[in-house]
């Protein structure tokens, strides 16, 4: 076979294979072949669940005249993780034999005055549990962790306002 014809046939074959991959890639979801694609496991924000308070830190901010301008409280909580989709979890976690626990910091910002800060500290010292109220203002930052060699997008920090949660005694 002549070198030109050989190169031409190889080029046609490569174009055909590339077109086949493009065709299957385009119709991948339409044919229901998403079982081949890895699904991301994501931990959900525990709205309405009881979270165990393991500790807290407070930061007060003052201006140059030594007047109170704001505060921030970091509440450390522990809770059983809710990871979705459940069917993609390892079988021990799916059946409930094993549970994954998260240690998360809840950042309470926009504390308006010293009286509210004192009431919040008093409530934190007297209670061991809290619940988050579902709100659009609640935000979370995620990190990538592993559960039995499966990548999971886990919650690292939750950012709330003082009215986005309440304590349980």
Protein backbone atom coordinates (compact mmCIF):
# COMPACT_ATOMS: atom_id res chain seq x y z
CA UNK A 1 0.00 0.00 0.00
CA UNK A 2 1.26 3.44 -0.84
CA UNK A 3 2.32 5.70 2.05
CA UNK A 4 -0.19 8.40 1.09
CA UNK A 5 -3.11 5.95 1.05
CA UNK A 6 -1.99 4.44 4.35
CA UNK A 7 -1.84 7.85 6.06
CA UNK A 8 -5.21 8.78 4.56
CA UNK A 9 -6.89 5.59 5.90
CA UNK A 10 -5.36 6.10 9.36
CA UNK A 11 -6.62 9.70 9.43
CA UNK A 12 -10.13 8.60 8.37
CA UNK A 13 -10.11 5.90 11.08
CA UNK A 14 -9.04 8.40 13.78
CA UNK A 15 -11.77 10.85 12.69
CA UNK A 16 -14.34 8.03 12.77
CA UNK A 17 -13.30 6.95 16.29
CA UNK A 18 -13.35 10.56 17.52
CA UNK A 19 -16.83 11.07 16.03
CA UNK A 20 -18.07 7.86 17.71
CA UNK A 21 -16.76 9.06 21.09
CA UNK A 22 -18.38 12.45 20.56
CA UNK A 23 -21.69 10.80 19.62
CA UNK A 24 -21.70 8.54 22.70
CA UNK A 25 -20.55 11.37 24.93
CA UNK A 26 -23.40 13.58 23.72
CA UNK A 27 -26.05 10.92 24.29
CA UNK A 28 -24.46 9.53 27.48
CA UNK A 29 -27.17 10.79 29.86
CA UNK A 30 -29.99 10.28 27.34
CA UNK A 31 -29.36 6.52 27.16
CA UNK A 32 -29.11 6.19 30.97
CA UNK A 33 -25.44 5.30 31.05
CA UNK A 34 -24.78 7.44 34.13
CA UNK A 35 -23.92 4.32 36.15
CA UNK A 36 -20.50 4.50 34.51
CA UNK A 37 -19.97 8.09 35.66
CA UNK A 38 -18.84 8.51 39.28
CA UNK A 39 -21.39 10.32 41.45
CA UNK A 40 -20.19 12.89 43.98
CA UNK A 41 -21.07 12.10 47.56
CA UNK A 42 -22.09 15.29 49.35
CA UNK A 43 -22.84 15.86 53.04
CA UNK A 44 -25.98 17.88 53.68
CA UNK A 45 -26.36 20.75 56.14
CA UNK A 46 -28.13 19.23 59.18
CA UNK A 47 -31.22 21.46 59.33
CA UNK A 48 -33.61 20.42 62.10
CA UNK A 49 -31.22 17.81 63.52
CA UNK A 50 -29.94 17.90 67.08
CA UNK A 51 -26.25 18.89 67.06
CA UNK A 52 -24.06 18.22 70.09
CA UNK A 53 -22.13 21.30 71.23
CA UNK A 54 -18.54 20.31 72.10
CA UNK A 55 -17.18 23.80 72.79
CA UNK A 56 -17.13 27.41 71.73
CA UNK A 57 -14.85 30.41 71.28
CA UNK A 58 -15.78 34.06 71.23
CA UNK A 59 -14.16 37.07 69.61
CA UNK A 60 -15.12 40.63 70.45
CA UNK A 61 -14.23 43.57 68.24
CA UNK A 62 -13.66 47.12 69.48
CA UNK A 63 -12.84 50.36 67.70
CA UNK A 64 -10.06 52.81 68.55
CA UNK A 65 -12.24 54.46 71.22
CA UNK A 66 -12.66 51.05 72.91
CA UNK A 67 -16.35 50.89 71.97
CA UNK A 68 -17.95 47.54 71.11
CA UNK A 69 -18.50 47.24 67.33
CA UNK A 70 -19.32 43.54 66.97
CA UNK A 71 -18.57 39.98 67.93
CA UNK A 72 -18.26 36.50 66.52
CA UNK A 73 -18.80 33.14 68.20
CA UNK A 74 -17.40 29.87 66.89
CA UNK A 75 -19.49 26.93 68.12
CA UNK A 76 -17.90 23.50 67.72
CA UNK A 77 -20.51 20.78 67.09
CA UNK A 78 -20.57 17.05 66.40
CA UNK A 79 -23.31 15.17 64.54
CA UNK A 80 -23.97 12.06 62.46
CA UNK A 81 -23.33 12.87 58.81
CA UNK A 82 -26.10 12.72 56.24
CA UNK A 83 -24.43 11.89 52.94
CA UNK A 84 -26.32 11.75 49.64
CA UNK A 85 -26.83 9.76 47.44
CA UNK A 86 -27.11 6.92 49.95
CA UNK A 87 -27.06 4.19 47.31
CA UNK A 88 -23.48 5.13 46.33
CA UNK A 89 -22.16 4.77 49.92
CA UNK A 90 -20.25 1.64 51.01
CA UNK A 91 -22.63 -1.10 52.16
CA UNK A 92 -21.84 -0.80 55.92
CA UNK A 93 -22.90 2.86 55.87
CA UNK A 94 -25.93 2.17 53.67
CA UNK A 95 -27.28 -0.46 56.07
CA UNK A 96 -26.55 1.67 59.15
CA UNK A 97 -23.90 -0.66 60.64
CA UNK A 98 -21.34 2.15 60.52
CA UNK A 99 -21.97 5.86 60.83
CA UNK A 100 -19.83 8.79 59.77
CA UNK A 101 -19.59 11.69 62.21
CA UNK A 102 -18.69 15.28 61.43
CA UNK A 103 -16.97 17.82 63.64
CA UNK A 104 -17.97 21.21 62.28
CA UNK A 105 -17.39 24.80 63.34
CA UNK A 106 -20.46 27.04 63.23
CA UNK A 107 -19.50 30.70 62.80
CA UNK A 108 -22.11 33.07 64.24
CA UNK A 109 -21.56 36.53 62.80
CA UNK A 110 -23.41 39.84 62.94
CA UNK A 111 -23.87 39.86 66.71
CA UNK A 112 -25.23 43.40 67.15
CA UNK A 113 -24.43 44.30 70.77
CA UNK A 114 -22.77 43.19 73.99
CA UNK A 115 -26.08 42.12 75.64
CA UNK A 116 -26.85 39.63 72.86
CA UNK A 117 -23.30 38.26 73.09
CA UNK A 118 -23.62 37.77 76.86
CA UNK A 119 -26.97 35.97 76.43
CA UNK A 120 -25.48 33.72 73.76
CA UNK A 121 -22.50 32.82 75.96
CA UNK A 122 -24.84 32.07 78.87
CA UNK A 123 -27.02 29.85 76.64
CA UNK A 124 -23.95 28.02 75.31
CA UNK A 125 -22.68 27.31 78.81
CA UNK A 126 -26.06 25.98 79.99
CA UNK A 127 -27.04 23.81 76.99
CA UNK A 128 -25.36 20.95 75.20
CA UNK A 129 -27.41 20.80 72.00
CA UNK A 130 -28.64 23.10 69.25
CA UNK A 131 -30.69 22.96 66.06
CA UNK A 132 -30.24 24.90 62.84
CA UNK A 133 -33.26 26.60 61.30
CA UNK A 134 -33.50 26.23 57.52
CA UNK A 135 -32.72 29.60 56.04
CA UNK A 136 -31.28 31.04 52.85
CA UNK A 137 -28.65 32.92 54.87
CA UNK A 138 -27.04 29.70 56.19
CA UNK A 139 -23.92 28.98 54.16
CA UNK A 140 -21.37 26.19 54.37
CA UNK A 141 -17.84 25.62 53.15
CA UNK A 142 -16.87 22.11 52.12
CA UNK A 143 -13.67 20.07 52.08
CA UNK A 144 -12.96 16.79 50.34
CA UNK A 145 -12.58 13.78 52.66
CA UNK A 146 -12.73 10.02 52.20
CA UNK A 147 -15.02 7.33 53.58
CA UNK A 148 -13.67 3.86 52.79
CA UNK A 149 -11.70 5.18 49.79
CA UNK A 150 -14.72 7.06 48.37
CA UNK A 151 -14.40 10.81 47.97
CA UNK A 152 -16.94 12.78 49.97
CA UNK A 153 -17.58 16.52 49.96
CA UNK A 154 -17.88 17.13 53.73
CA UNK A 155 -18.91 20.25 55.62
CA UNK A 156 -16.01 22.12 57.23
CA UNK A 157 -17.66 25.36 58.40
CA UNK A 158 -21.21 26.66 58.63
CA UNK A 159 -21.85 30.42 58.64
CA UNK A 160 -25.06 31.61 60.38
CA UNK A 161 -26.65 34.66 61.98
CA UNK A 162 -27.87 34.65 65.60
CA UNK A 163 -31.49 34.01 64.54
CA UNK A 164 -30.64 30.96 62.35
CA UNK A 165 -30.39 28.47 65.25
CA UNK A 166 -31.73 27.77 68.74
CA UNK A 167 -30.51 25.86 71.80
CA UNK A 168 -32.02 22.74 73.32
CA UNK A 169 -31.60 21.85 76.99
